């Protein structure tokens, strides 16, 4: 089984492969993502926290992995992640708790030494 860091690398490789075949799609997707995450009424950090709550709710393993990594890069703390998990659990019950657990596990693995 791949580690989370290895899985992130594989995701990046796969997206690069998509970009080699459909460069305009990936270029435009990147521009869209940057536009959405740009500071506005909400800070970039707040938008990333919202995205993290959504991907936990969507129960997407790779999305959780990707957005936890993005959150770490933005400087989001473990305590902030746990608060987002609390909101997700409130709205999603048991599945929210299960996938919040995955987000916590991911954060811990990606921030270890």
PDB file of N, CA and C in Angstrom:
ATOM      1  N   UNK A   1       0.846  -1.183   0.000  1.00  0.00           N
ATOM      2  CA  UNK A   1       0.000   0.000   0.000  1.00  0.00           C
ATOM      3  C   UNK A   1       0.890   1.245   0.000  1.00  0.00           C
ATOM      4  N   UNK A   2       0.496   2.232  -0.781  1.00  0.00           N
ATOM      5  CA  UNK A   2       1.256   3.479  -0.889  1.00  0.00           C
ATOM      6  C   UNK A   2       1.079   4.338   0.350  1.00  0.00           C
ATOM      7  N   UNK A   3       2.145   5.041   0.713  1.00  0.00           N
ATOM      8  CA  UNK A   3       2.007   6.050   1.764  1.00  0.00           C
ATOM      9  C   UNK A   3       1.237   7.242   1.179  1.00  0.00           C
ATOM     10  N   UNK A   4       0.800   8.106   2.040  1.00  0.00           N
ATOM     11  CA  UNK A   4       0.061   9.286   1.574  1.00  0.00           C
ATOM     12  C   UNK A   4       0.960  10.187   0.722  1.00  0.00           C
ATOM     13  N   UNK A   5       2.220  10.306   1.077  1.00  0.00           N
ATOM     14  CA  UNK A   5       3.157  11.102   0.279  1.00  0.00           C
ATOM     15  C   UNK A   5       3.367  10.484  -1.099  1.00  0.00           C
ATOM     16  N   UNK A   6       3.453   9.157  -1.149  1.00  0.00           N
ATOM     17  CA  UNK A   6       3.582   8.480  -2.437  1.00  0.00           C
ATOM     18  C   UNK A   6       2.315   8.662  -3.272  1.00  0.00           C
ATOM     19  N   UNK A   7       1.157   8.616  -2.613  1.00  0.00           N
ATOM     20  CA  UNK A   7      -0.111   8.800  -3.334  1.00  0.00           C
ATOM     21  C   UNK A   7      -0.213  10.210  -3.896  1.00  0.00           C
ATOM     22  N   UNK A   8       0.226  11.208  -3.127  1.00  0.00           N
ATOM     23  CA  UNK A   8       0.240  12.590  -3.633  1.00  0.00           C
ATOM     24  C   UNK A   8       1.116  12.694  -4.879  1.00  0.00           C
ATOM     25  N   UNK A   9       2.272  12.034  -4.834  1.00  0.00           N
ATOM     26  CA  UNK A   9       3.173  12.051  -5.984  1.00  0.00           C
ATOM     27  C   UNK A   9       2.503  11.392  -7.188  1.00  0.00           C
ATOM     28  N   UNK A  10       1.817  10.279  -6.961  1.00  0.00           N
ATOM     29  CA  UNK A  10       1.126   9.583  -8.049  1.00  0.00           C
ATOM     30  C   UNK A  10       0.003  10.445  -8.629  1.00  0.00           C
ATOM     31  N   UNK A  11      -0.738  11.137  -7.765  1.00  0.00           N
ATOM     32  CA  UNK A  11      -1.787  12.042  -8.244  1.00  0.00           C
ATOM     33  C   UNK A  11      -1.186  13.114  -9.140  1.00  0.00           C
ATOM     34  N   UNK A  12      -0.052  13.678  -8.715  1.00  0.00           N
ATOM     35  CA  UNK A  12       0.621  14.704  -9.495  1.00  0.00           C
ATOM     36  C   UNK A  12       1.056  14.153 -10.849  1.00  0.00           C
ATOM     37  N   UNK A  13       1.615  12.951 -10.848  1.00  0.00           N
ATOM     38  CA  UNK A  13       2.026  12.312 -12.101  1.00  0.00           C
ATOM     39  C   UNK A  13       0.833  12.114 -13.029  1.00  0.00           C
ATOM     40  N   UNK A  14      -0.277  11.649 -12.487  1.00  0.00           N
ATOM     41  CA  UNK A  14      -1.476  11.414 -13.300  1.00  0.00           C
ATOM     42  C   UNK A  14      -2.025  12.717 -13.879  1.00  0.00           C
ATOM     43  N   UNK A  15      -2.025  13.779 -13.066  1.00  0.00           N
ATOM     44  CA  UNK A  15      -2.507  15.066 -13.560  1.00  0.00           C
ATOM     45  C   UNK A  15      -1.583  15.625 -14.635  1.00  0.00           C
ATOM     46  N   UNK A  16      -0.285  15.397 -14.482  1.00  0.00           N
ATOM     47  CA  UNK A  16       0.658  15.818 -15.520  1.00  0.00           C
ATOM     48  C   UNK A  16       0.430  15.059 -16.815  1.00  0.00           C
ATOM     49  N   UNK A  17       0.058  13.790 -16.687  1.00  0.00           N
ATOM     50  CA  UNK A  17      -0.244  12.994 -17.884  1.00  0.00           C
ATOM     51  C   UNK A  17      -1.487  13.538 -18.584  1.00  0.00           C
ATOM     52  N   UNK A  18      -2.499  13.890 -17.792  1.00  0.00           N
ATOM     53  CA  UNK A  18      -3.699  14.501 -18.377  1.00  0.00           C
ATOM     54  C   UNK A  18      -3.318  15.803 -19.079  1.00  0.00           C
ATOM     55  N   UNK A  19      -2.470  16.604 -18.429  1.00  0.00           N
ATOM     56  CA  UNK A  19      -2.040  17.881 -19.007  1.00  0.00           C
ATOM     57  C   UNK A  19      -1.264  17.691 -20.301  1.00  0.00           C
ATOM     58  N   UNK A  20      -0.537  16.588 -20.424  1.00  0.00           N
ATOM     59  CA  UNK A  20       0.217  16.356 -21.661  1.00  0.00           C
ATOM     60  C   UNK A  20      -0.704  16.090 -22.848  1.00  0.00           C
ATOM     61  N   UNK A  21      -1.885  15.561 -22.559  1.00  0.00           N
ATOM     62  CA  UNK A  21      -2.851  15.265 -23.612  1.00  0.00           C
ATOM     63  C   UNK A  21      -3.836  16.424 -23.805  1.00  0.00           C
ATOM     64  N   UNK A  22      -4.205  17.071 -22.699  1.00  0.00           N
ATOM     65  CA  UNK A  22      -5.201  18.142 -22.735  1.00  0.00           C
ATOM     66  C   UNK A  22      -4.684  19.364 -21.960  1.00  0.00           C
ATOM     67  N   UNK A  23      -3.644  20.022 -22.493  1.00  0.00           N
ATOM     68  CA  UNK A  23      -3.030  21.115 -21.740  1.00  0.00           C
ATOM     69  C   UNK A  23      -3.971  22.279 -21.432  1.00  0.00           C
ATOM     70  N   UNK A  24      -4.860  22.597 -22.346  1.00  0.00           N
ATOM     71  CA  UNK A  24      -5.768  23.726 -22.110  1.00  0.00           C
ATOM     72  C   UNK A  24      -6.712  23.451 -20.947  1.00  0.00           C
ATOM     73  N   UNK A  25      -7.165  22.227 -20.827  1.00  0.00           N
ATOM     74  CA  UNK A  25      -8.069  21.874 -19.732  1.00  0.00           C
ATOM     75  C   UNK A  25      -7.374  22.077 -18.394  1.00  0.00           C
ATOM     76  N   UNK A  26      -6.171  21.541 -18.263  1.00  0.00           N
ATOM     77  CA  UNK A  26      -5.464  21.653 -16.983  1.00  0.00           C
ATOM     78  C   UNK A  26      -5.034  23.090 -16.703  1.00  0.00           C
ATOM     79  N   UNK A  27      -4.610  23.803 -17.745  1.00  0.00           N
ATOM     80  CA  UNK A  27      -4.221  25.210 -17.580  1.00  0.00           C
ATOM     81  C   UNK A  27      -5.412  26.025 -17.081  1.00  0.00           C
ATOM     82  N   UNK A  28      -6.560  25.840 -17.711  1.00  0.00           N
ATOM     83  CA  UNK A  28      -7.752  26.592 -17.321  1.00  0.00           C
ATOM     84  C   UNK A  28      -8.266  26.185 -15.948  1.00  0.00           C
ATOM     85  N   UNK A  29      -8.144  24.906 -15.616  1.00  0.00           N
ATOM     86  CA  UNK A  29      -8.546  24.457 -14.287  1.00  0.00           C
ATOM     87  C   UNK A  29      -7.672  25.107 -13.224  1.00  0.00           C
ATOM     88  N   UNK A  30      -6.366  25.176 -13.486  1.00  0.00           N
ATOM     89  CA  UNK A  30      -5.431  25.809 -12.541  1.00  0.00           C
ATOM     90  C   UNK A  30      -5.757  27.295 -12.379  1.00  0.00           C
ATOM     91  N   UNK A  31      -6.035  27.968 -13.471  1.00  0.00           N
ATOM     92  CA  UNK A  31      -6.402  29.391 -13.414  1.00  0.00           C
ATOM     93  C   UNK A  31      -7.685  29.564 -12.601  1.00  0.00           C
ATOM     94  N   UNK A  32      -8.660  28.696 -12.832  1.00  0.00           N
ATOM     95  CA  UNK A  32      -9.926  28.763 -12.092  1.00  0.00           C
ATOM     96  C   UNK A  32      -9.691  28.558 -10.600  1.00  0.00           C
ATOM     97  N   UNK A  33      -8.900  27.536 -10.254  1.00  0.00           N
ATOM     98  CA  UNK A  33      -8.610  27.260  -8.846  1.00  0.00           C
ATOM     99  C   UNK A  33      -7.928  28.455  -8.189  1.00  0.00           C
ATOM    100  N   UNK A  34      -6.923  29.013  -8.851  1.00  0.00           N
ATOM    101  CA  UNK A  34      -6.220  30.182  -8.301  1.00  0.00           C
ATOM    102  C   UNK A  34      -7.168  31.365  -8.120  1.00  0.00           C
ATOM    103  N   UNK A  35      -8.076  31.548  -9.063  1.00  0.00           N
ATOM    104  CA  UNK A  35      -9.044  32.639  -8.986  1.00  0.00           C
ATOM    105  C   UNK A  35      -9.984  32.464  -7.800  1.00  0.00           C
ATOM    106  N   UNK A  36     -10.458  31.252  -7.609  1.00  0.00           N
ATOM    107  CA  UNK A  36     -11.377  30.965  -6.506  1.00  0.00           C
ATOM    108  C   UNK A  36     -10.684  31.144  -5.159  1.00  0.00           C
ATOM    109  N   UNK A  37      -9.437  30.716  -5.049  1.00  0.00           N
ATOM    110  CA  UNK A  37      -8.728  30.752  -3.769  1.00  0.00           C
ATOM    111  C   UNK A  37      -8.080  32.103  -3.467  1.00  0.00           C
ATOM    112  N   UNK A  38      -8.161  33.032  -4.406  1.00  0.00           N
ATOM    113  CA  UNK A  38      -7.582  34.354  -4.208  1.00  0.00           C
ATOM    114  C   UNK A  38      -8.279  35.076  -3.055  1.00  0.00           C
ATOM    115  N   UNK A  39      -7.506  35.875  -2.315  1.00  0.00           N
ATOM    116  CA  UNK A  39      -8.073  36.660  -1.216  1.00  0.00           C
ATOM    117  C   UNK A  39      -9.252  37.491  -1.721  1.00  0.00           C
ATOM    118  N   UNK A  40     -10.292  37.523  -0.954  1.00  0.00           N
ATOM    119  CA  UNK A  40     -11.469  38.331  -1.254  1.00  0.00           C
ATOM    120  C   UNK A  40     -12.117  38.686   0.071  1.00  0.00           C
ATOM    121  N   UNK A  41     -13.427  38.620   0.141  1.00  0.00           N
ATOM    122  CA  UNK A  41     -14.105  38.804   1.421  1.00  0.00           C
ATOM    123  C   UNK A  41     -13.638  37.715   2.379  1.00  0.00           C
ATOM    124  N   UNK A  42     -13.490  36.510   1.847  1.00  0.00           N
ATOM    125  CA  UNK A  42     -12.905  35.419   2.624  1.00  0.00           C
ATOM    126  C   UNK A  42     -11.414  35.353   2.317  1.00  0.00           C
ATOM    127  N   UNK A  43     -10.631  35.006   3.315  1.00  0.00           N
ATOM    128  CA  UNK A  43      -9.204  34.801   3.089  1.00  0.00           C
ATOM    129  C   UNK A  43      -8.993  33.488   2.350  1.00  0.00           C
ATOM    130  N   UNK A  44      -7.813  33.330   1.763  1.00  0.00           N
ATOM    131  CA  UNK A  44      -7.482  32.057   1.112  1.00  0.00           C
ATOM    132  C   UNK A  44      -7.575  30.915   2.117  1.00  0.00           C
ATOM    133  N   UNK A  45      -7.123  31.157   3.326  1.00  0.00           N
ATOM    134  CA  UNK A  45      -7.157  30.139   4.365  1.00  0.00           C
ATOM    135  C   UNK A  45      -8.594  29.706   4.670  1.00  0.00           C
ATOM    136  N   UNK A  46      -9.499  30.672   4.766  1.00  0.00           N
ATOM    137  CA  UNK A  46     -10.911  30.343   5.031  1.00  0.00           C
ATOM    138  C   UNK A  46     -11.508  29.538   3.881  1.00  0.00           C
ATOM    139  N   UNK A  47     -11.138  29.881   2.665  1.00  0.00           N
ATOM    140  CA  UNK A  47     -11.649  29.145   1.505  1.00  0.00           C
ATOM    141  C   UNK A  47     -11.125  27.712   1.491  1.00  0.00           C
ATOM    142  N   UNK A  48      -9.859  27.548   1.869  1.00  0.00           N
ATOM    143  CA  UNK A  48      -9.280  26.198   1.925  1.00  0.00           C
ATOM    144  C   UNK A  48      -9.947  25.378   3.021  1.00  0.00           C
ATOM    145  N   UNK A  49     -10.238  25.992   4.152  1.00  0.00           N
ATOM    146  CA  UNK A  49     -10.959  25.288   5.219  1.00  0.00           C
ATOM    147  C   UNK A  49     -12.348  24.866   4.744  1.00  0.00           C
ATOM    148  N   UNK A  50     -13.022  25.737   4.005  1.00  0.00           N
ATOM    149  CA  UNK A  50     -14.342  25.385   3.460  1.00  0.00           C
ATOM    150  C   UNK A  50     -14.213  24.215   2.482  1.00  0.00           C
ATOM    151  N   UNK A  51     -13.208  24.283   1.612  1.00  0.00           N
ATOM    152  CA  UNK A  51     -12.987  23.201   0.640  1.00  0.00           C
ATOM    153  C   UNK A  51     -12.710  21.883   1.354  1.00  0.00           C
ATOM    154  N   UNK A  52     -11.939  21.961   2.415  1.00  0.00           N
ATOM    155  CA  UNK A  52     -11.616  20.758   3.182  1.00  0.00           C
ATOM    156  C   UNK A  52     -12.879  20.136   3.773  1.00  0.00           C
ATOM    157  N   UNK A  53     -13.752  20.951   4.332  1.00  0.00           N
ATOM    158  CA  UNK A  53     -15.016  20.438   4.857  1.00  0.00           C
ATOM    159  C   UNK A  53     -15.866  19.789   3.775  1.00  0.00           C
ATOM    160  N   UNK A  54     -15.853  20.390   2.592  1.00  0.00           N
ATOM    161  CA  UNK A  54     -16.643  19.847   1.482  1.00  0.00           C
ATOM    162  C   UNK A  54     -16.088  18.508   1.025  1.00  0.00           C
ATOM    163  N   UNK A  55     -14.764  18.400   0.862  1.00  0.00           N
ATOM    164  CA  UNK A  55     -14.225  17.120   0.373  1.00  0.00           C
ATOM    165  C   UNK A  55     -14.371  16.009   1.398  1.00  0.00           C
ATOM    166  N   UNK A  56     -14.342  16.372   2.682  1.00  0.00           N
ATOM    167  CA  UNK A  56     -14.619  15.355   3.709  1.00  0.00           C
ATOM    168  C   UNK A  56     -16.064  14.884   3.549  1.00  0.00           C
ATOM    169  N   UNK A  57     -16.979  15.828   3.342  1.00  0.00           N
ATOM    170  CA  UNK A  57     -18.394  15.474   3.151  1.00  0.00           C
ATOM    171  C   UNK A  57     -18.616  14.657   1.887  1.00  0.00           C
ATOM    172  N   UNK A  58     -17.826  14.943   0.842  1.00  0.00           N
ATOM    173  CA  UNK A  58     -17.960  14.204  -0.424  1.00  0.00           C
ATOM    174  C   UNK A  58     -17.365  12.801  -0.328  1.00  0.00           C
ATOM    175  N   UNK A  59     -16.622  12.526   0.756  1.00  0.00           N
ATOM    176  CA  UNK A  59     -16.047  11.209   1.017  1.00  0.00           C
ATOM    177  C   UNK A  59     -15.104  10.755  -0.095  1.00  0.00           C
ATOM    178  N   UNK A  60     -14.270  11.693  -0.548  1.00  0.00           N
ATOM    179  CA  UNK A  60     -13.319  11.427  -1.626  1.00  0.00           C
ATOM    180  C   UNK A  60     -11.916  11.320  -1.035  1.00  0.00           C
ATOM    181  N   UNK A  61     -11.375  10.116  -0.981  1.00  0.00           N
ATOM    182  CA  UNK A  61     -10.062   9.874  -0.371  1.00  0.00           C
ATOM    183  C   UNK A  61      -8.970  10.752  -0.974  1.00  0.00           C
ATOM    184  N   UNK A  62      -8.855  10.731  -2.311  1.00  0.00           N
ATOM    185  CA  UNK A  62      -7.796  11.514  -2.946  1.00  0.00           C
ATOM    186  C   UNK A  62      -8.026  13.012  -2.788  1.00  0.00           C
ATOM    187  N   UNK A  63      -9.282  13.428  -2.777  1.00  0.00           N
ATOM    188  CA  UNK A  63      -9.583  14.852  -2.567  1.00  0.00           C
ATOM    189  C   UNK A  63      -9.176  15.274  -1.158  1.00  0.00           C
ATOM    190  N   UNK A  64      -9.463  14.432  -0.183  1.00  0.00           N
ATOM    191  CA  UNK A  64      -9.058  14.719   1.200  1.00  0.00           C
ATOM    192  C   UNK A  64      -7.546  14.828   1.265  1.00  0.00           C
ATOM    193  N   UNK A  65      -6.855  13.900   0.661  1.00  0.00           N
ATOM    194  CA  UNK A  65      -5.402  13.921   0.640  1.00  0.00           C
ATOM    195  C   UNK A  65      -4.881  15.223   0.032  1.00  0.00           C
ATOM    196  N   UNK A  66      -5.394  15.579  -1.112  1.00  0.00           N
ATOM    197  CA  UNK A  66      -4.950  16.779  -1.817  1.00  0.00           C
ATOM    198  C   UNK A  66      -5.238  18.052  -1.022  1.00  0.00           C
ATOM    199  N   UNK A  67      -6.440  18.160  -0.460  1.00  0.00           N
ATOM    200  CA  UNK A  67      -6.810  19.389   0.246  1.00  0.00           C
ATOM    201  C   UNK A  67      -6.181  19.483   1.627  1.00  0.00           C
ATOM    202  N   UNK A  68      -5.915  18.358   2.265  1.00  0.00           N
ATOM    203  CA  UNK A  68      -5.156  18.418   3.521  1.00  0.00           C
ATOM    204  C   UNK A  68      -3.751  18.929   3.214  1.00  0.00           C
ATOM    205  N   UNK A  69      -3.136  18.445   2.134  1.00  0.00           N
ATOM    206  CA  UNK A  69      -1.808  18.936   1.749  1.00  0.00           C
ATOM    207  C   UNK A  69      -1.865  20.439   1.458  1.00  0.00           C
ATOM    208  N   UNK A  70      -2.870  20.886   0.736  1.00  0.00           N
ATOM    209  CA  UNK A  70      -3.036  22.312   0.455  1.00  0.00           C
ATOM    210  C   UNK A  70      -3.189  23.097   1.751  1.00  0.00           C
ATOM    211  N   UNK A  71      -3.969  22.565   2.681  1.00  0.00           N
ATOM    212  CA  UNK A  71      -4.172  23.220   3.979  1.00  0.00           C
ATOM    213  C   UNK A  71      -2.862  23.334   4.750  1.00  0.00           C
ATOM    214  N   UNK A  72      -2.078  22.283   4.740  1.00  0.00           N
ATOM    215  CA  UNK A  72      -0.779  22.299   5.417  1.00  0.00           C
ATOM    216  C   UNK A  72       0.113  23.378   4.796  1.00  0.00           C
ATOM    217  N   UNK A  73       0.132  23.434   3.485  1.00  0.00           N
ATOM    218  CA  UNK A  73       0.932  24.445   2.786  1.00  0.00           C
ATOM    219  C   UNK A  73       0.478  25.857   3.135  1.00  0.00           C
ATOM    220  N   UNK A  74      -0.802  26.037   3.421  1.00  0.00           N
ATOM    221  CA  UNK A  74      -1.352  27.348   3.788  1.00  0.00           C
ATOM    222  C   UNK A  74      -1.102  27.668   5.259  1.00  0.00           C
ATOM    223  N   UNK A  75      -0.605  26.677   6.013  1.00  0.00           N
ATOM    224  CA  UNK A  75      -0.294  26.905   7.419  1.00  0.00           C
ATOM    225  C   UNK A  75      -1.437  26.617   8.375  1.00  0.00           C
ATOM    226  N   UNK A  76      -2.402  25.836   7.911  1.00  0.00           N
ATOM    227  CA  UNK A  76      -3.535  25.489   8.761  1.00  0.00           C
ATOM    228  C   UNK A  76      -3.067  24.547   9.870  1.00  0.00           C
ATOM    229  N   UNK A  77      -3.515  24.826  11.070  1.00  0.00           N
ATOM    230  CA  UNK A  77      -3.096  24.036  12.225  1.00  0.00           C
ATOM    231  C   UNK A  77      -3.969  22.790  12.379  1.00  0.00           C
ATOM    232  N   UNK A  78      -3.471  21.866  13.167  1.00  0.00           N
ATOM    233  CA  UNK A  78      -4.229  20.657  13.477  1.00  0.00           C
ATOM    234  C   UNK A  78      -5.552  21.019  14.145  1.00  0.00           C
ATOM    235  N   UNK A  79      -5.522  22.010  15.047  1.00  0.00           N
ATOM    236  CA  UNK A  79      -6.741  22.427  15.752  1.00  0.00           C
ATOM    237  C   UNK A  79      -7.778  22.997  14.783  1.00  0.00           C
ATOM    238  N   UNK A  80      -7.334  23.742  13.770  1.00  0.00           N
ATOM    239  CA  UNK A  80      -8.273  24.261  12.760  1.00  0.00           C
ATOM    240  C   UNK A  80      -8.878  23.119  11.956  1.00  0.00           C
ATOM    241  N   UNK A  81      -8.056  22.145  11.607  1.00  0.00           N
ATOM    242  CA  UNK A  81      -8.565  20.977  10.897  1.00  0.00           C
ATOM    243  C   UNK A  81      -9.624  20.262  11.725  1.00  0.00           C
ATOM    244  N   UNK A  82      -9.360  20.087  13.009  1.00  0.00           N
ATOM    245  CA  UNK A  82     -10.308  19.389  13.884  1.00  0.00           C
ATOM    246  C   UNK A  82     -11.625  20.155  13.967  1.00  0.00           C
ATOM    247  N   UNK A  83     -11.580  21.487  13.997  1.00  0.00           N
ATOM    248  CA  UNK A  83     -12.829  22.266  14.025  1.00  0.00           C
ATOM    249  C   UNK A  83     -13.625  22.074  12.744  1.00  0.00           C
ATOM    250  N   UNK A  84     -12.938  22.027  11.600  1.00  0.00           N
ATOM    251  CA  UNK A  84     -13.624  21.750  10.330  1.00  0.00           C
ATOM    252  C   UNK A  84     -14.251  20.358  10.386  1.00  0.00           C
ATOM    253  N   UNK A  85     -13.524  19.414  10.939  1.00  0.00           N
ATOM    254  CA  UNK A  85     -14.055  18.049  11.084  1.00  0.00           C
ATOM    255  C   UNK A  85     -15.313  18.049  11.946  1.00  0.00           C
ATOM    256  N   UNK A  86     -15.326  18.861  12.988  1.00  0.00           N
ATOM    257  CA  UNK A  86     -16.514  18.948  13.846  1.00  0.00           C
ATOM    258  C   UNK A  86     -17.743  19.410  13.075  1.00  0.00           C
ATOM    259  N   UNK A  87     -17.566  20.410  12.221  1.00  0.00           N
ATOM    260  CA  UNK A  87     -18.690  20.894  11.401  1.00  0.00           C
ATOM    261  C   UNK A  87     -19.141  19.804  10.447  1.00  0.00           C
ATOM    262  N   UNK A  88     -18.180  19.107   9.862  1.00  0.00           N
ATOM    263  CA  UNK A  88     -18.505  18.021   8.933  1.00  0.00           C
ATOM    264  C   UNK A  88     -19.276  16.907   9.635  1.00  0.00           C
ATOM    265  N   UNK A  89     -18.851  16.579  10.844  1.00  0.00           N
ATOM    266  CA  UNK A  89     -19.558  15.542  11.608  1.00  0.00           C
ATOM    267  C   UNK A  89     -20.972  15.994  11.966  1.00  0.00           C
ATOM    268  N   UNK A  90     -21.125  17.266  12.320  1.00  0.00           N
ATOM    269  CA  UNK A  90     -22.451  17.810  12.635  1.00  0.00           C
ATOM    270  C   UNK A  90     -23.408  17.603  11.464  1.00  0.00           C
ATOM    271  N   UNK A  91     -22.929  17.865  10.270  1.00  0.00           N
ATOM    272  CA  UNK A  91     -23.796  17.821   9.091  1.00  0.00           C
ATOM    273  C   UNK A  91     -23.874  16.451   8.426  1.00  0.00           C
ATOM    274  N   UNK A  92     -22.899  15.569   8.703  1.00  0.00           N
ATOM    275  CA  UNK A  92     -22.857  14.267   8.030  1.00  0.00           C
ATOM    276  C   UNK A  92     -22.940  13.072   8.959  1.00  0.00           C
ATOM    277  N   UNK A  93     -23.009  13.295  10.248  1.00  0.00           N
ATOM    278  CA  UNK A  93     -23.127  12.179  11.183  1.00  0.00           C
ATOM    279  C   UNK A  93     -21.970  11.205  11.112  1.00  0.00           C
ATOM    280  N   UNK A  94     -22.293   9.920  11.143  1.00  0.00           N
ATOM    281  CA  UNK A  94     -21.281   8.863  11.163  1.00  0.00           C
ATOM    282  C   UNK A  94     -20.305   8.919   9.999  1.00  0.00           C
ATOM    283  N   UNK A  95     -20.780   9.046   8.752  1.00  0.00           N
ATOM    284  CA  UNK A  95     -19.825   9.158   7.646  1.00  0.00           C
ATOM    285  C   UNK A  95     -18.922  10.384   7.781  1.00  0.00           C
ATOM    286  N   UNK A  96     -19.449  11.472   8.302  1.00  0.00           N
ATOM    287  CA  UNK A  96     -18.625  12.651   8.545  1.00  0.00           C
ATOM    288  C   UNK A  96     -17.519  12.357   9.540  1.00  0.00           C
ATOM    289  N   UNK A  97     -17.839  11.561  10.562  1.00  0.00           N
ATOM    290  CA  UNK A  97     -16.837  11.179  11.556  1.00  0.00           C
ATOM    291  C   UNK A  97     -15.783  10.262  10.938  1.00  0.00           C
ATOM    292  N   UNK A  98     -16.210   9.302  10.130  1.00  0.00           N
ATOM    293  CA  UNK A  98     -15.270   8.359   9.515  1.00  0.00           C
ATOM    294  C   UNK A  98     -14.291   9.082   8.590  1.00  0.00           C
ATOM    295  N   UNK A  99     -14.800   9.955   7.753  1.00  0.00           N
ATOM    296  CA  UNK A  99     -13.920  10.652   6.819  1.00  0.00           C
ATOM    297  C   UNK A  99     -13.151  11.778   7.492  1.00  0.00           C
ATOM    298  N   UNK A 100     -13.659  12.303   8.592  1.00  0.00           N
ATOM    299  CA  UNK A 100     -12.879  13.244   9.399  1.00  0.00           C
ATOM    300  C   UNK A 100     -11.673  12.530   9.991  1.00  0.00           C
ATOM    301  N   UNK A 101     -11.879  11.293  10.393  1.00  0.00           N
ATOM    302  CA  UNK A 101     -10.777  10.491  10.913  1.00  0.00           C
ATOM    303  C   UNK A 101      -9.688  10.330   9.851  1.00  0.00           C
ATOM    304  N   UNK A 102     -10.094  10.122   8.614  1.00  0.00           N
ATOM    305  CA  UNK A 102      -9.135  10.016   7.515  1.00  0.00           C
ATOM    306  C   UNK A 102      -8.381  11.338   7.328  1.00  0.00           C
ATOM    307  N   UNK A 103      -9.072  12.460   7.441  1.00  0.00           N
ATOM    308  CA  UNK A 103      -8.427  13.766   7.308  1.00  0.00           C
ATOM    309  C   UNK A 103      -7.397  13.974   8.416  1.00  0.00           C
ATOM    310  N   UNK A 104      -7.749  13.581   9.635  1.00  0.00           N
ATOM    311  CA  UNK A 104      -6.827  13.702  10.773  1.00  0.00           C
ATOM    312  C   UNK A 104      -5.606  12.811  10.547  1.00  0.00           C
ATOM    313  N   UNK A 105      -5.835  11.580  10.151  1.00  0.00           N
ATOM    314  CA  UNK A 105      -4.742  10.644   9.871  1.00  0.00           C
ATOM    315  C   UNK A 105      -3.820  11.206   8.783  1.00  0.00           C
ATOM    316  N   UNK A 106      -4.420  11.760   7.757  1.00  0.00           N
ATOM    317  CA  UNK A 106      -3.659  12.340   6.642  1.00  0.00           C
ATOM    318  C   UNK A 106      -2.812  13.505   7.117  1.00  0.00           C
ATOM    319  N   UNK A 107      -3.401  14.405   7.909  1.00  0.00           N
ATOM    320  CA  UNK A 107      -2.666  15.554   8.427  1.00  0.00           C
ATOM    321  C   UNK A 107      -1.452  15.087   9.234  1.00  0.00           C
ATOM    322  N   UNK A 108      -1.696  14.131  10.116  1.00  0.00           N
ATOM    323  CA  UNK A 108      -0.607  13.635  10.969  1.00  0.00           C
ATOM    324  C   UNK A 108       0.510  13.001  10.136  1.00  0.00           C
ATOM    325  N   UNK A 109       0.140  12.173   9.154  1.00  0.00           N
ATOM    326  CA  UNK A 109       1.160  11.517   8.343  1.00  0.00           C
ATOM    327  C   UNK A 109       1.963  12.523   7.516  1.00  0.00           C
ATOM    328  N   UNK A 110       1.268  13.512   6.951  1.00  0.00           N
ATOM    329  CA  UNK A 110       1.957  14.473   6.086  1.00  0.00           C
ATOM    330  C   UNK A 110       2.808  15.475   6.869  1.00  0.00           C
ATOM    331  N   UNK A 111       2.530  15.642   8.156  1.00  0.00           N
ATOM    332  CA  UNK A 111       3.302  16.607   8.942  1.00  0.00           C
ATOM    333  C   UNK A 111       4.363  15.946   9.800  1.00  0.00           C
ATOM    334  N   UNK A 112       4.463  14.632   9.763  1.00  0.00           N
ATOM    335  CA  UNK A 112       5.505  13.935  10.535  1.00  0.00           C
ATOM    336  C   UNK A 112       6.867  14.205   9.913  1.00  0.00           C
ATOM    337  N   UNK A 113       7.863  14.386  10.809  1.00  0.00           N
ATOM    338  CA  UNK A 113       9.265  14.599  10.499  1.00  0.00           C
ATOM    339  C   UNK A 113       9.600  14.541   9.075  1.00  0.00           C
TER     340      UNK A 113
END
